[in-house]
């Protein structure tokens, strides 16, 4: 009986895994670019920093503070009209990407800002004393100094996206979350639930391992 269940499960598990990886990859690539840019802007425009602009900083800071506390399930539902306008549907893996990218973007922005703020001000001052302009100091001193910790922060976001895709699966996005709900919870099949949980654990472990190695490599290059 178990062999029959396993034969039926593996194709579904493979399809769900690919859908989950698609959601993670697409949303992370978008969020990494936008989030890091926002984080750099937040850092640079902070009062007293290289490109101080209180208005820009206050606007960005407010937007991020408003979005971050909202639970992901509320965000993905609230963005349904936007998703339909952009993609033409609110169902499927592609439809989950805007909401996933949004929550990841604001999280990455805050992580990037925190890592940049942690850079030793003395290093920046030394660069300025040697004639480096504010933009040059930002891109040749501050950002390179923060790359190691930023890599670990981005790894954390990928892991968080794994969790978020499982939630997205509960509202029609597909992936491992949908498989767990449809075949595990609704049909009371513990074997499916265990298979999904183990798959998620493997994804998280591999992601963390890769992130740690990349962070060490970046640190050793400095």
N, C-alpha and C. Protein backbone atom coordinates (compact mmCIF):
# COMPACT_ATOMS: atom_id res chain seq x y z
N UNK A 1 0.83 -1.21 0.00
CA UNK A 1 0.00 0.00 0.00
C UNK A 1 0.87 1.26 0.00
N UNK A 2 1.95 1.19 0.79
CA UNK A 2 2.83 2.35 0.86
C UNK A 2 3.50 2.62 -0.47
N UNK A 3 3.87 1.50 -1.21
CA UNK A 3 4.50 1.70 -2.51
C UNK A 3 3.57 2.42 -3.47
N UNK A 4 2.27 2.10 -3.43
CA UNK A 4 1.30 2.75 -4.29
C UNK A 4 1.18 4.23 -3.92
N UNK A 5 1.16 4.51 -2.62
CA UNK A 5 1.07 5.91 -2.16
C UNK A 5 2.31 6.68 -2.59
N UNK A 6 3.46 6.05 -2.48
CA UNK A 6 4.71 6.72 -2.84
C UNK A 6 4.77 7.00 -4.34
N UNK A 7 4.35 6.05 -5.12
CA UNK A 7 4.34 6.25 -6.57
C UNK A 7 3.41 7.39 -6.98
N UNK A 8 2.31 7.53 -6.27
CA UNK A 8 1.37 8.61 -6.59
C UNK A 8 1.87 9.95 -6.06
N UNK A 9 2.63 9.91 -4.97
CA UNK A 9 3.06 11.15 -4.33
C UNK A 9 4.23 11.81 -5.05
N UNK A 10 5.20 11.02 -5.49
CA UNK A 10 6.44 11.59 -6.02
C UNK A 10 6.23 12.59 -7.15
N UNK A 11 5.40 12.30 -8.16
CA UNK A 11 5.19 13.31 -9.21
C UNK A 11 4.58 14.60 -8.67
N UNK A 12 3.63 14.46 -7.75
CA UNK A 12 3.01 15.65 -7.16
C UNK A 12 4.03 16.44 -6.34
N UNK A 13 4.86 15.72 -5.59
CA UNK A 13 5.87 16.37 -4.78
C UNK A 13 6.89 17.09 -5.66
N UNK A 14 7.27 16.45 -6.77
CA UNK A 14 8.22 17.09 -7.68
C UNK A 14 7.67 18.36 -8.30
N UNK A 15 6.41 18.30 -8.72
CA UNK A 15 5.78 19.49 -9.30
C UNK A 15 5.66 20.60 -8.27
N UNK A 16 5.24 20.24 -7.06
CA UNK A 16 5.09 21.24 -5.99
C UNK A 16 6.44 21.86 -5.63
N UNK A 17 7.48 21.05 -5.62
CA UNK A 17 8.83 21.56 -5.31
C UNK A 17 9.27 22.57 -6.36
N UNK A 18 9.06 22.26 -7.64
CA UNK A 18 9.44 23.18 -8.71
C UNK A 18 8.66 24.49 -8.61
N UNK A 19 7.38 24.40 -8.27
CA UNK A 19 6.57 25.62 -8.11
C UNK A 19 7.08 26.46 -6.95
N UNK A 20 7.44 25.81 -5.86
CA UNK A 20 7.97 26.54 -4.70
C UNK A 20 9.29 27.22 -5.05
N UNK A 21 10.19 26.49 -5.72
CA UNK A 21 11.48 27.07 -6.11
C UNK A 21 11.29 28.22 -7.09
N UNK A 22 10.30 28.12 -7.97
CA UNK A 22 10.02 29.21 -8.90
C UNK A 22 9.58 30.46 -8.15
N UNK A 23 8.69 30.29 -7.18
CA UNK A 23 8.23 31.44 -6.39
C UNK A 23 9.38 32.08 -5.61
N UNK A 24 10.20 31.24 -5.00
CA UNK A 24 11.33 31.75 -4.20
C UNK A 24 12.31 32.50 -5.08
N UNK A 25 12.70 31.88 -6.19
CA UNK A 25 13.71 32.48 -7.06
C UNK A 25 13.25 33.81 -7.66
N UNK A 26 12.05 33.81 -8.21
CA UNK A 26 11.54 35.03 -8.86
C UNK A 26 11.39 36.17 -7.87
N UNK A 27 10.77 35.90 -6.74
CA UNK A 27 10.54 36.96 -5.76
C UNK A 27 11.84 37.43 -5.12
N UNK A 28 12.77 36.51 -4.90
CA UNK A 28 14.04 36.90 -4.27
C UNK A 28 14.87 37.78 -5.20
N UNK A 29 14.94 37.43 -6.47
CA UNK A 29 15.73 38.24 -7.41
C UNK A 29 15.20 39.67 -7.48
N UNK A 30 13.88 39.80 -7.54
CA UNK A 30 13.27 41.14 -7.56
C UNK A 30 13.55 41.87 -6.26
N UNK A 31 13.33 41.19 -5.14
CA UNK A 31 13.47 41.81 -3.83
C UNK A 31 14.93 42.16 -3.51
N UNK A 32 15.86 41.33 -3.96
CA UNK A 32 17.27 41.59 -3.67
C UNK A 32 17.71 42.90 -4.31
N UNK A 33 17.32 43.10 -5.56
CA UNK A 33 17.70 44.34 -6.26
C UNK A 33 17.03 45.54 -5.62
N UNK A 34 15.71 45.49 -5.48
CA UNK A 34 14.98 46.64 -4.94
C UNK A 34 15.31 46.87 -3.47
N UNK A 35 15.42 45.78 -2.70
CA UNK A 35 15.68 45.91 -1.28
C UNK A 35 17.04 46.50 -0.97
N UNK A 36 18.06 46.03 -1.67
CA UNK A 36 19.40 46.57 -1.45
C UNK A 36 19.46 48.04 -1.85
N UNK A 37 18.84 48.39 -2.97
CA UNK A 37 18.81 49.80 -3.39
C UNK A 37 18.12 50.67 -2.33
N UNK A 38 16.99 50.20 -1.81
CA UNK A 38 16.30 50.95 -0.77
C UNK A 38 17.15 51.04 0.50
N UNK A 39 17.82 49.95 0.84
CA UNK A 39 18.68 49.96 2.03
C UNK A 39 19.82 50.96 1.90
N UNK A 40 20.42 51.01 0.72
CA UNK A 40 21.50 51.97 0.47
C UNK A 40 20.97 53.40 0.57
N UNK A 41 19.78 53.64 -0.01
CA UNK A 41 19.17 54.97 0.09
C UNK A 41 18.87 55.34 1.53
N UNK A 42 18.33 54.39 2.29
CA UNK A 42 18.03 54.65 3.70
C UNK A 42 19.29 55.04 4.46
N UNK A 43 20.36 54.28 4.23
CA UNK A 43 21.62 54.57 4.91
C UNK A 43 22.19 55.92 4.49
N UNK A 44 22.26 56.13 3.18
CA UNK A 44 22.93 57.33 2.66
C UNK A 44 22.19 58.60 3.02
N UNK A 45 20.85 58.55 3.09
CA UNK A 45 20.07 59.77 3.34
C UNK A 45 19.75 59.98 4.82
N UNK A 46 20.22 59.09 5.67
CA UNK A 46 20.00 59.28 7.11
C UNK A 46 20.61 60.61 7.56
N UNK A 47 20.02 61.25 8.56
CA UNK A 47 20.61 62.49 9.09
C UNK A 47 22.06 62.27 9.51
N UNK A 48 22.94 63.11 8.98
CA UNK A 48 24.36 63.02 9.32
C UNK A 48 25.16 62.09 8.44
N UNK A 49 24.53 61.43 7.49
CA UNK A 49 25.26 60.49 6.63
C UNK A 49 25.70 61.13 5.32
N UNK A 50 26.23 60.31 4.44
CA UNK A 50 26.93 60.80 3.26
C UNK A 50 26.08 61.67 2.34
N UNK A 51 24.82 61.27 2.12
CA UNK A 51 23.93 62.02 1.22
C UNK A 51 22.68 62.44 1.98
N UNK A 52 22.86 63.07 3.09
CA UNK A 52 21.74 63.39 4.00
C UNK A 52 20.59 64.08 3.26
N UNK A 53 19.41 63.50 3.45
CA UNK A 53 18.18 64.08 2.90
C UNK A 53 17.04 63.63 3.80
N UNK A 54 16.66 64.48 4.73
CA UNK A 54 15.68 64.10 5.74
C UNK A 54 14.32 63.74 5.14
N UNK A 55 13.94 64.41 4.08
CA UNK A 55 12.63 64.15 3.46
C UNK A 55 12.60 62.74 2.85
N UNK A 56 13.62 62.41 2.06
CA UNK A 56 13.69 61.10 1.42
C UNK A 56 13.77 60.00 2.48
N UNK A 57 14.61 60.22 3.48
CA UNK A 57 14.76 59.21 4.53
C UNK A 57 13.45 58.99 5.28
N UNK A 58 12.77 60.07 5.62
CA UNK A 58 11.51 59.96 6.37
C UNK A 58 10.45 59.23 5.54
N UNK A 59 10.39 59.53 4.25
CA UNK A 59 9.39 58.89 3.38
C UNK A 59 9.65 57.38 3.27
N UNK A 60 10.90 57.01 2.97
CA UNK A 60 11.24 55.59 2.84
C UNK A 60 11.05 54.86 4.16
N UNK A 61 11.50 55.47 5.23
CA UNK A 61 11.41 54.84 6.54
C UNK A 61 9.95 54.59 6.93
N UNK A 62 9.09 55.55 6.63
CA UNK A 62 7.67 55.42 6.96
C UNK A 62 7.02 54.30 6.17
N UNK A 63 7.30 54.25 4.86
CA UNK A 63 6.71 53.21 4.02
C UNK A 63 7.11 51.82 4.52
N UNK A 64 8.38 51.64 4.82
CA UNK A 64 8.86 50.34 5.28
C UNK A 64 8.26 49.98 6.63
N UNK A 65 8.16 50.95 7.53
CA UNK A 65 7.58 50.69 8.85
C UNK A 65 6.10 50.35 8.78
N UNK A 66 5.42 50.86 7.76
CA UNK A 66 4.00 50.56 7.60
C UNK A 66 3.81 49.14 7.06
N UNK A 67 4.63 48.74 6.10
CA UNK A 67 4.45 47.44 5.44
C UNK A 67 4.96 46.28 6.30
N UNK A 68 6.08 46.45 6.97
CA UNK A 68 6.74 45.32 7.65
C UNK A 68 5.86 44.59 8.66
N UNK A 69 5.07 45.28 9.50
CA UNK A 69 4.32 44.53 10.51
C UNK A 69 3.09 43.78 9.97
N UNK A 70 2.69 44.03 8.73
CA UNK A 70 1.48 43.41 8.20
C UNK A 70 1.73 41.94 7.93
N UNK A 71 0.92 41.03 8.45
CA UNK A 71 1.10 39.60 8.18
C UNK A 71 1.04 39.30 6.69
N UNK A 72 1.86 38.35 6.25
CA UNK A 72 1.95 38.05 4.83
C UNK A 72 0.60 37.63 4.25
N UNK A 73 -0.17 36.87 4.99
CA UNK A 73 -1.45 36.39 4.48
C UNK A 73 -2.37 37.56 4.15
N UNK A 74 -2.29 38.64 4.92
CA UNK A 74 -3.11 39.83 4.65
C UNK A 74 -2.59 40.56 3.42
N UNK A 75 -1.27 40.64 3.29
CA UNK A 75 -0.68 41.32 2.14
C UNK A 75 -1.03 40.62 0.83
N UNK A 76 -0.93 39.30 0.81
CA UNK A 76 -1.19 38.60 -0.44
C UNK A 76 -2.66 38.71 -0.85
N UNK A 77 -3.55 38.77 0.14
CA UNK A 77 -4.98 38.96 -0.16
C UNK A 77 -5.25 40.39 -0.60
N UNK A 78 -4.64 41.35 0.09
CA UNK A 78 -4.85 42.76 -0.24
C UNK A 78 -4.32 43.11 -1.63
N UNK A 79 -3.31 42.38 -2.09
CA UNK A 79 -2.70 42.68 -3.39
C UNK A 79 -3.38 41.95 -4.55
N UNK A 80 -4.44 41.23 -4.29
CA UNK A 80 -5.12 40.50 -5.36
C UNK A 80 -5.50 41.41 -6.53
N UNK A 81 -6.10 42.60 -6.30
CA UNK A 81 -6.41 43.48 -7.45
C UNK A 81 -5.16 43.89 -8.23
N UNK A 82 -4.07 44.17 -7.51
CA UNK A 82 -2.82 44.55 -8.18
C UNK A 82 -2.27 43.37 -8.98
N UNK A 83 -2.32 42.19 -8.37
CA UNK A 83 -1.81 40.99 -9.04
C UNK A 83 -2.60 40.71 -10.32
N UNK A 84 -3.91 40.84 -10.24
CA UNK A 84 -4.75 40.61 -11.43
C UNK A 84 -4.43 41.62 -12.52
N UNK A 85 -4.17 42.88 -12.12
CA UNK A 85 -3.85 43.92 -13.10
C UNK A 85 -2.51 43.65 -13.77
N UNK A 86 -1.54 43.14 -13.00
CA UNK A 86 -0.20 42.91 -13.53
C UNK A 86 -0.09 41.62 -14.32
N UNK A 87 -0.71 40.56 -13.80
CA UNK A 87 -0.51 39.23 -14.36
C UNK A 87 -1.75 38.70 -15.07
N UNK A 88 -2.91 39.19 -14.67
CA UNK A 88 -4.15 38.72 -15.27
C UNK A 88 -4.85 37.64 -14.48
N UNK A 89 -4.26 37.24 -13.35
CA UNK A 89 -4.87 36.23 -12.49
C UNK A 89 -4.36 36.39 -11.07
N UNK A 90 -5.10 35.85 -10.12
CA UNK A 90 -4.66 35.86 -8.73
C UNK A 90 -4.39 34.45 -8.24
N UNK A 91 -4.37 33.48 -9.16
CA UNK A 91 -4.13 32.08 -8.83
C UNK A 91 -2.87 31.61 -9.53
N UNK A 92 -2.10 30.78 -8.85
CA UNK A 92 -0.90 30.21 -9.46
C UNK A 92 0.38 30.77 -8.88
N UNK A 93 1.49 30.17 -9.27
CA UNK A 93 2.79 30.56 -8.70
C UNK A 93 3.18 31.99 -9.06
N UNK A 94 2.93 32.39 -10.31
CA UNK A 94 3.29 33.74 -10.73
C UNK A 94 2.51 34.80 -9.96
N UNK A 95 1.26 34.47 -9.62
CA UNK A 95 0.42 35.42 -8.91
C UNK A 95 0.91 35.68 -7.49
N UNK A 96 1.70 34.78 -6.93
CA UNK A 96 2.21 34.96 -5.58
C UNK A 96 3.46 35.84 -5.55
N UNK A 97 4.11 36.00 -6.69
CA UNK A 97 5.40 36.70 -6.73
C UNK A 97 5.31 38.16 -6.27
N UNK A 98 4.32 38.96 -6.72
CA UNK A 98 4.29 40.36 -6.27
C UNK A 98 4.24 40.51 -4.75
N UNK A 99 3.39 39.73 -4.09
CA UNK A 99 3.29 39.81 -2.64
C UNK A 99 4.58 39.33 -1.97
N UNK A 100 5.12 38.22 -2.45
CA UNK A 100 6.37 37.71 -1.90
C UNK A 100 7.51 38.72 -2.08
N UNK A 101 7.58 39.31 -3.27
CA UNK A 101 8.64 40.29 -3.55
C UNK A 101 8.49 41.53 -2.67
N UNK A 102 7.25 41.94 -2.43
CA UNK A 102 7.03 43.13 -1.61
C UNK A 102 7.52 42.93 -0.18
N UNK A 103 7.09 41.84 0.45
CA UNK A 103 7.49 41.63 1.85
C UNK A 103 8.99 41.38 1.95
N UNK A 104 9.58 40.72 0.96
CA UNK A 104 11.01 40.48 0.99
C UNK A 104 11.79 41.77 0.75
N UNK A 105 11.27 42.64 -0.10
CA UNK A 105 11.95 43.91 -0.40
C UNK A 105 12.09 44.77 0.85
N UNK A 106 11.01 44.94 1.59
CA UNK A 106 11.09 45.81 2.76
C UNK A 106 11.98 45.18 3.84
N UNK A 107 11.96 43.85 3.93
CA UNK A 107 12.83 43.18 4.91
C UNK A 107 14.30 43.33 4.52
N UNK A 108 14.61 43.15 3.25
CA UNK A 108 15.99 43.30 2.79
C UNK A 108 16.45 44.74 2.95
N UNK A 109 15.58 45.70 2.68
CA UNK A 109 15.94 47.11 2.84
C UNK A 109 16.39 47.40 4.26
N UNK A 110 15.66 46.88 5.23
CA UNK A 110 16.01 47.12 6.63
C UNK A 110 17.28 46.39 7.02
N UNK A 111 17.45 45.17 6.50
CA UNK A 111 18.67 44.41 6.79
C UNK A 111 19.88 45.11 6.18
N UNK A 112 19.74 45.55 4.93
CA UNK A 112 20.85 46.24 4.27
C UNK A 112 21.21 47.53 5.00
N UNK A 113 20.20 48.28 5.41
CA UNK A 113 20.46 49.52 6.15
C UNK A 113 21.20 49.22 7.45
N UNK A 114 20.77 48.20 8.18
CA UNK A 114 21.41 47.87 9.45
C UNK A 114 22.87 47.46 9.25
N UNK A 115 23.15 46.69 8.22
CA UNK A 115 24.53 46.28 7.95
C UNK A 115 25.41 47.45 7.54
N UNK A 116 24.84 48.37 6.77
CA UNK A 116 25.61 49.55 6.36
C UNK A 116 25.89 50.47 7.54
N UNK A 117 24.90 50.63 8.41
CA UNK A 117 25.08 51.48 9.59
C UNK A 117 26.17 50.91 10.50
N UNK A 118 26.30 49.58 10.49
CA UNK A 118 27.28 48.93 11.38
C UNK A 118 28.72 49.11 10.90
N UNK A 119 28.92 49.59 9.69
CA UNK A 119 30.28 49.82 9.19
C UNK A 119 30.95 50.90 10.03
N UNK A 120 32.19 50.68 10.39
CA UNK A 120 32.94 51.61 11.24
C UNK A 120 32.99 53.01 10.61
N UNK A 121 32.44 54.02 11.31
CA UNK A 121 32.46 55.39 10.76
C UNK A 121 33.88 55.88 10.51
N UNK A 122 34.83 55.36 11.28
CA UNK A 122 36.21 55.78 11.08
C UNK A 122 36.73 55.42 9.71
N UNK A 123 36.27 54.30 9.18
CA UNK A 123 36.68 53.88 7.83
C UNK A 123 36.17 54.87 6.79
N UNK A 124 34.93 55.30 6.98
CA UNK A 124 34.34 56.27 6.05
C UNK A 124 35.06 57.60 6.16
N UNK A 125 35.35 58.02 7.38
CA UNK A 125 36.05 59.30 7.59
C UNK A 125 37.44 59.26 6.98
N UNK A 126 38.10 58.10 7.09
CA UNK A 126 39.44 57.98 6.49
C UNK A 126 39.38 58.12 4.98
N UNK A 127 38.34 57.52 4.38
CA UNK A 127 38.18 57.65 2.94
C UNK A 127 37.92 59.08 2.53
N UNK A 128 37.08 59.78 3.31
CA UNK A 128 36.79 61.18 3.01
C UNK A 128 38.04 62.04 3.14
N UNK A 129 38.86 61.72 4.15
CA UNK A 129 40.09 62.48 4.35
C UNK A 129 41.06 62.29 3.19
N UNK A 130 40.93 61.16 2.50
CA UNK A 130 41.81 60.90 1.35
C UNK A 130 41.23 61.44 0.05
N UNK A 131 40.11 62.16 0.16
CA UNK A 131 39.54 62.83 -1.00
C UNK A 131 38.39 62.11 -1.67
N UNK A 132 37.89 61.03 -1.06
CA UNK A 132 36.78 60.30 -1.67
C UNK A 132 35.49 61.10 -1.53
N UNK A 133 34.76 61.27 -2.64
CA UNK A 133 33.48 61.96 -2.59
C UNK A 133 32.46 61.08 -1.88
N UNK A 134 31.34 61.66 -1.39
CA UNK A 134 30.32 60.84 -0.71
C UNK A 134 29.86 59.64 -1.52
N UNK A 135 29.51 59.80 -2.82
CA UNK A 135 29.11 58.60 -3.58
C UNK A 135 30.23 57.57 -3.70
N UNK A 136 31.45 58.04 -3.89
CA UNK A 136 32.57 57.10 -4.01
C UNK A 136 32.81 56.38 -2.69
N UNK A 137 32.74 57.10 -1.59
CA UNK A 137 32.91 56.47 -0.28
C UNK A 137 31.83 55.43 -0.04
N UNK A 138 30.63 55.73 -0.49
CA UNK A 138 29.51 54.81 -0.31
C UNK A 138 29.74 53.51 -1.07
N UNK A 139 30.13 53.61 -2.34
CA UNK A 139 30.21 52.42 -3.19
C UNK A 139 31.56 51.71 -3.13
N UNK A 140 32.61 52.37 -2.66
CA UNK A 140 33.92 51.71 -2.62
C UNK A 140 34.36 51.37 -1.19
N UNK A 141 33.70 51.93 -0.20
CA UNK A 141 34.10 51.67 1.19
C UNK A 141 32.96 51.03 1.98
N UNK A 142 31.84 51.73 2.07
CA UNK A 142 30.75 51.29 2.95
C UNK A 142 30.13 49.98 2.46
N UNK A 143 29.71 49.95 1.21
CA UNK A 143 29.02 48.76 0.70
C UNK A 143 29.94 47.53 0.70
N UNK A 144 31.19 47.62 0.20
CA UNK A 144 32.06 46.44 0.27
C UNK A 144 32.28 45.94 1.70
N UNK A 145 32.37 46.84 2.66
CA UNK A 145 32.59 46.43 4.05
C UNK A 145 31.41 45.66 4.62
N UNK A 146 30.23 45.86 4.07
CA UNK A 146 29.02 45.25 4.63
C UNK A 146 28.60 43.98 3.89
N UNK A 147 29.34 43.57 2.87
CA UNK A 147 28.89 42.47 2.01
C UNK A 147 28.78 41.13 2.75
N UNK A 148 29.71 40.85 3.65
CA UNK A 148 29.66 39.59 4.38
C UNK A 148 28.39 39.45 5.20
N UNK A 149 28.14 40.38 6.13
CA UNK A 149 26.89 40.32 6.90
C UNK A 149 25.65 40.41 6.03
N UNK A 150 25.72 41.20 4.94
CA UNK A 150 24.56 41.32 4.06
C UNK A 150 24.23 39.98 3.41
N UNK A 151 25.25 39.21 3.06
CA UNK A 151 25.02 37.89 2.47
C UNK A 151 24.26 37.00 3.44
N UNK A 152 24.63 37.03 4.71
CA UNK A 152 23.91 36.24 5.71
C UNK A 152 22.47 36.75 5.85
N UNK A 153 22.29 38.07 5.76
CA UNK A 153 20.94 38.62 5.84
C UNK A 153 20.07 38.18 4.68
N UNK A 154 20.67 38.15 3.49
CA UNK A 154 19.92 37.70 2.32
C UNK A 154 19.57 36.21 2.43
N UNK A 155 20.48 35.45 3.04
CA UNK A 155 20.19 34.03 3.27
C UNK A 155 18.98 33.87 4.16
N UNK A 156 18.91 34.69 5.20
CA UNK A 156 17.75 34.65 6.10
C UNK A 156 16.46 34.96 5.33
N UNK A 157 16.53 35.89 4.40
CA UNK A 157 15.34 36.24 3.61
C UNK A 157 14.90 35.07 2.74
N UNK A 158 15.84 34.36 2.15
CA UNK A 158 15.47 33.20 1.34
C UNK A 158 14.74 32.16 2.20
N UNK A 159 15.26 31.94 3.41
CA UNK A 159 14.60 31.00 4.32
C UNK A 159 13.20 31.49 4.67
N UNK A 160 13.07 32.79 4.90
CA UNK A 160 11.75 33.35 5.21
C UNK A 160 10.81 33.20 4.03
N UNK A 161 11.33 33.30 2.82
CA UNK A 161 10.50 33.12 1.63
C UNK A 161 10.00 31.69 1.51
N UNK A 162 10.80 30.73 1.95
CA UNK A 162 10.35 29.34 1.97
C UNK A 162 9.08 29.23 2.82
N UNK A 163 9.13 29.85 3.99
CA UNK A 163 7.93 29.85 4.86
C UNK A 163 6.77 30.55 4.18
N UNK A 164 7.04 31.69 3.56
CA UNK A 164 5.97 32.49 2.95
C UNK A 164 5.33 31.76 1.77
N UNK A 165 6.12 31.01 1.00
CA UNK A 165 5.54 30.28 -0.12
C UNK A 165 4.58 29.20 0.37
N UNK A 166 4.88 28.63 1.54
CA UNK A 166 3.96 27.64 2.11
C UNK A 166 2.63 28.29 2.45
N UNK A 167 2.68 29.52 2.98
CA UNK A 167 1.45 30.26 3.28
C UNK A 167 0.72 30.61 1.98
N UNK A 168 1.49 31.04 0.98
CA UNK A 168 0.89 31.40 -0.31
C UNK A 168 0.15 30.21 -0.92
N UNK A 169 0.67 29.02 -0.68
CA UNK A 169 0.02 27.83 -1.21
C UNK A 169 -1.38 27.62 -0.65
N UNK A 170 -1.64 28.18 0.51
CA UNK A 170 -2.97 28.03 1.12
C UNK A 170 -4.02 28.89 0.42
N UNK A 171 -3.59 29.87 -0.38
CA UNK A 171 -4.55 30.75 -1.05
C UNK A 171 -4.43 30.62 -2.57
N UNK A 172 -4.05 29.43 -3.03
CA UNK A 172 -4.11 29.15 -4.46
C UNK A 172 -2.84 29.37 -5.24
N UNK A 173 -1.69 29.52 -4.56
CA UNK A 173 -0.45 29.78 -5.28
C UNK A 173 0.25 28.51 -5.73
N UNK A 174 -0.22 27.36 -5.27
CA UNK A 174 0.46 26.12 -5.61
C UNK A 174 1.66 25.89 -4.71
N UNK A 175 2.55 25.00 -5.13
CA UNK A 175 3.74 24.72 -4.36
C UNK A 175 3.51 23.73 -3.23
N UNK A 176 4.50 23.62 -2.36
CA UNK A 176 4.46 22.64 -1.28
C UNK A 176 3.34 22.94 -0.28
N UNK A 177 3.06 24.21 -0.06
CA UNK A 177 1.98 24.56 0.86
C UNK A 177 0.63 24.06 0.37
N UNK A 178 0.39 24.20 -0.90
CA UNK A 178 -0.86 23.72 -1.49
C UNK A 178 -0.95 22.20 -1.43
N UNK A 179 0.18 21.53 -1.69
CA UNK A 179 0.20 20.07 -1.62
C UNK A 179 -0.11 19.59 -0.20
N UNK A 180 0.50 20.26 0.78
CA UNK A 180 0.25 19.88 2.18
C UNK A 180 -1.21 20.09 2.55
N UNK A 181 -1.80 21.17 2.07
CA UNK A 181 -3.19 21.46 2.40
C UNK A 181 -4.14 20.48 1.71
N UNK A 182 -3.95 20.29 0.41
CA UNK A 182 -4.89 19.50 -0.38
C UNK A 182 -4.81 18.00 -0.08
N UNK A 183 -3.57 17.48 -0.05
CA UNK A 183 -3.42 16.03 0.10
C UNK A 183 -3.06 15.62 1.53
N UNK A 184 -2.50 16.56 2.29
CA UNK A 184 -2.15 16.21 3.66
C UNK A 184 -3.22 16.52 4.67
N UNK A 185 -3.62 17.79 4.74
CA UNK A 185 -4.58 18.21 5.75
C UNK A 185 -6.01 17.78 5.41
N UNK A 186 -6.46 18.13 4.21
CA UNK A 186 -7.86 17.86 3.86
C UNK A 186 -8.15 16.36 3.72
N UNK A 187 -7.15 15.58 3.35
CA UNK A 187 -7.36 14.14 3.20
C UNK A 187 -6.76 13.35 4.37
N UNK A 188 -6.26 14.07 5.37
CA UNK A 188 -5.71 13.45 6.58
C UNK A 188 -4.63 12.42 6.26
N UNK A 189 -3.77 12.78 5.32
CA UNK A 189 -2.68 11.88 4.92
C UNK A 189 -1.38 12.36 5.57
N UNK A 190 -1.02 11.73 6.67
CA UNK A 190 0.17 12.15 7.41
C UNK A 190 1.45 11.96 6.59
N UNK A 191 1.44 10.97 5.68
CA UNK A 191 2.62 10.69 4.87
C UNK A 191 2.96 11.88 3.98
N UNK A 192 1.94 12.51 3.40
CA UNK A 192 2.15 13.70 2.57
C UNK A 192 2.70 14.84 3.42
N UNK A 193 2.14 15.03 4.60
CA UNK A 193 2.60 16.11 5.48
C UNK A 193 4.07 15.92 5.85
N UNK A 194 4.44 14.69 6.18
CA UNK A 194 5.83 14.41 6.53
C UNK A 194 6.75 14.67 5.34
N UNK A 195 6.32 14.23 4.16
CA UNK A 195 7.14 14.43 2.96
C UNK A 195 7.35 15.91 2.67
N UNK A 196 6.28 16.71 2.82
CA UNK A 196 6.38 18.15 2.57
C UNK A 196 7.30 18.80 3.60
N UNK A 197 7.13 18.45 4.87
CA UNK A 197 7.96 19.03 5.92
C UNK A 197 9.44 18.70 5.70
N UNK A 198 9.73 17.45 5.39
CA UNK A 198 11.12 17.05 5.14
C UNK A 198 11.71 17.78 3.94
N UNK A 199 10.91 17.98 2.91
CA UNK A 199 11.38 18.71 1.73
C UNK A 199 11.70 20.16 2.08
N UNK A 200 10.84 20.77 2.86
CA UNK A 200 11.09 22.15 3.29
C UNK A 200 12.35 22.25 4.14
N UNK A 201 12.55 21.28 5.02
CA UNK A 201 13.75 21.27 5.86
C UNK A 201 15.01 21.17 5.00
N UNK A 202 14.96 20.32 3.98
CA UNK A 202 16.12 20.17 3.10
C UNK A 202 16.41 21.48 2.37
N UNK A 203 15.37 22.13 1.87
CA UNK A 203 15.56 23.41 1.18
C UNK A 203 16.21 24.44 2.10
N UNK A 204 15.71 24.52 3.33
CA UNK A 204 16.25 25.50 4.28
C UNK A 204 17.70 25.18 4.62
N UNK A 205 18.01 23.91 4.87
CA UNK A 205 19.37 23.53 5.23
C UNK A 205 20.35 23.82 4.10
N UNK A 206 19.97 23.49 2.87
CA UNK A 206 20.85 23.76 1.73
C UNK A 206 21.04 25.25 1.51
N UNK A 207 19.96 26.01 1.70
CA UNK A 207 20.05 27.47 1.55
C UNK A 207 21.00 28.06 2.59
N UNK A 208 20.86 27.63 3.84
CA UNK A 208 21.71 28.17 4.90
C UNK A 208 23.16 27.78 4.68
N UNK A 209 23.39 26.55 4.25
CA UNK A 209 24.76 26.10 3.98
C UNK A 209 25.40 26.92 2.88
N UNK A 210 24.65 27.14 1.79
CA UNK A 210 25.18 27.94 0.69
C UNK A 210 25.43 29.38 1.12
N UNK A 211 24.50 29.95 1.88
CA UNK A 211 24.67 31.33 2.35
C UNK A 211 25.88 31.48 3.24
N UNK A 212 26.10 30.53 4.14
CA UNK A 212 27.26 30.59 5.04
C UNK A 212 28.56 30.53 4.26
N UNK A 213 28.60 29.66 3.27
CA UNK A 213 29.83 29.52 2.47
C UNK A 213 30.11 30.77 1.65
N UNK A 214 29.07 31.34 1.06
CA UNK A 214 29.25 32.57 0.28
C UNK A 214 29.71 33.71 1.17
N UNK A 215 29.12 33.82 2.36
CA UNK A 215 29.51 34.88 3.29
C UNK A 215 30.97 34.74 3.70
N UNK A 216 31.41 33.50 3.98
CA UNK A 216 32.82 33.29 4.34
C UNK A 216 33.75 33.65 3.19
N UNK A 217 33.34 33.28 1.97
CA UNK A 217 34.17 33.59 0.80
C UNK A 217 34.29 35.09 0.61
N UNK A 218 33.18 35.82 0.81
CA UNK A 218 33.21 37.28 0.66
C UNK A 218 34.12 37.89 1.72
N UNK A 219 34.02 37.39 2.96
CA UNK A 219 34.85 37.93 4.05
C UNK A 219 36.32 37.68 3.80
N UNK A 220 36.66 36.50 3.27
CA UNK A 220 38.07 36.17 3.04
C UNK A 220 38.68 36.99 1.92
N UNK A 221 37.85 37.50 1.02
CA UNK A 221 38.35 38.31 -0.08
C UNK A 221 38.70 39.71 0.37
N UNK A 222 38.28 40.10 1.56
CA UNK A 222 38.53 41.46 2.01
C UNK A 222 39.83 41.54 2.79
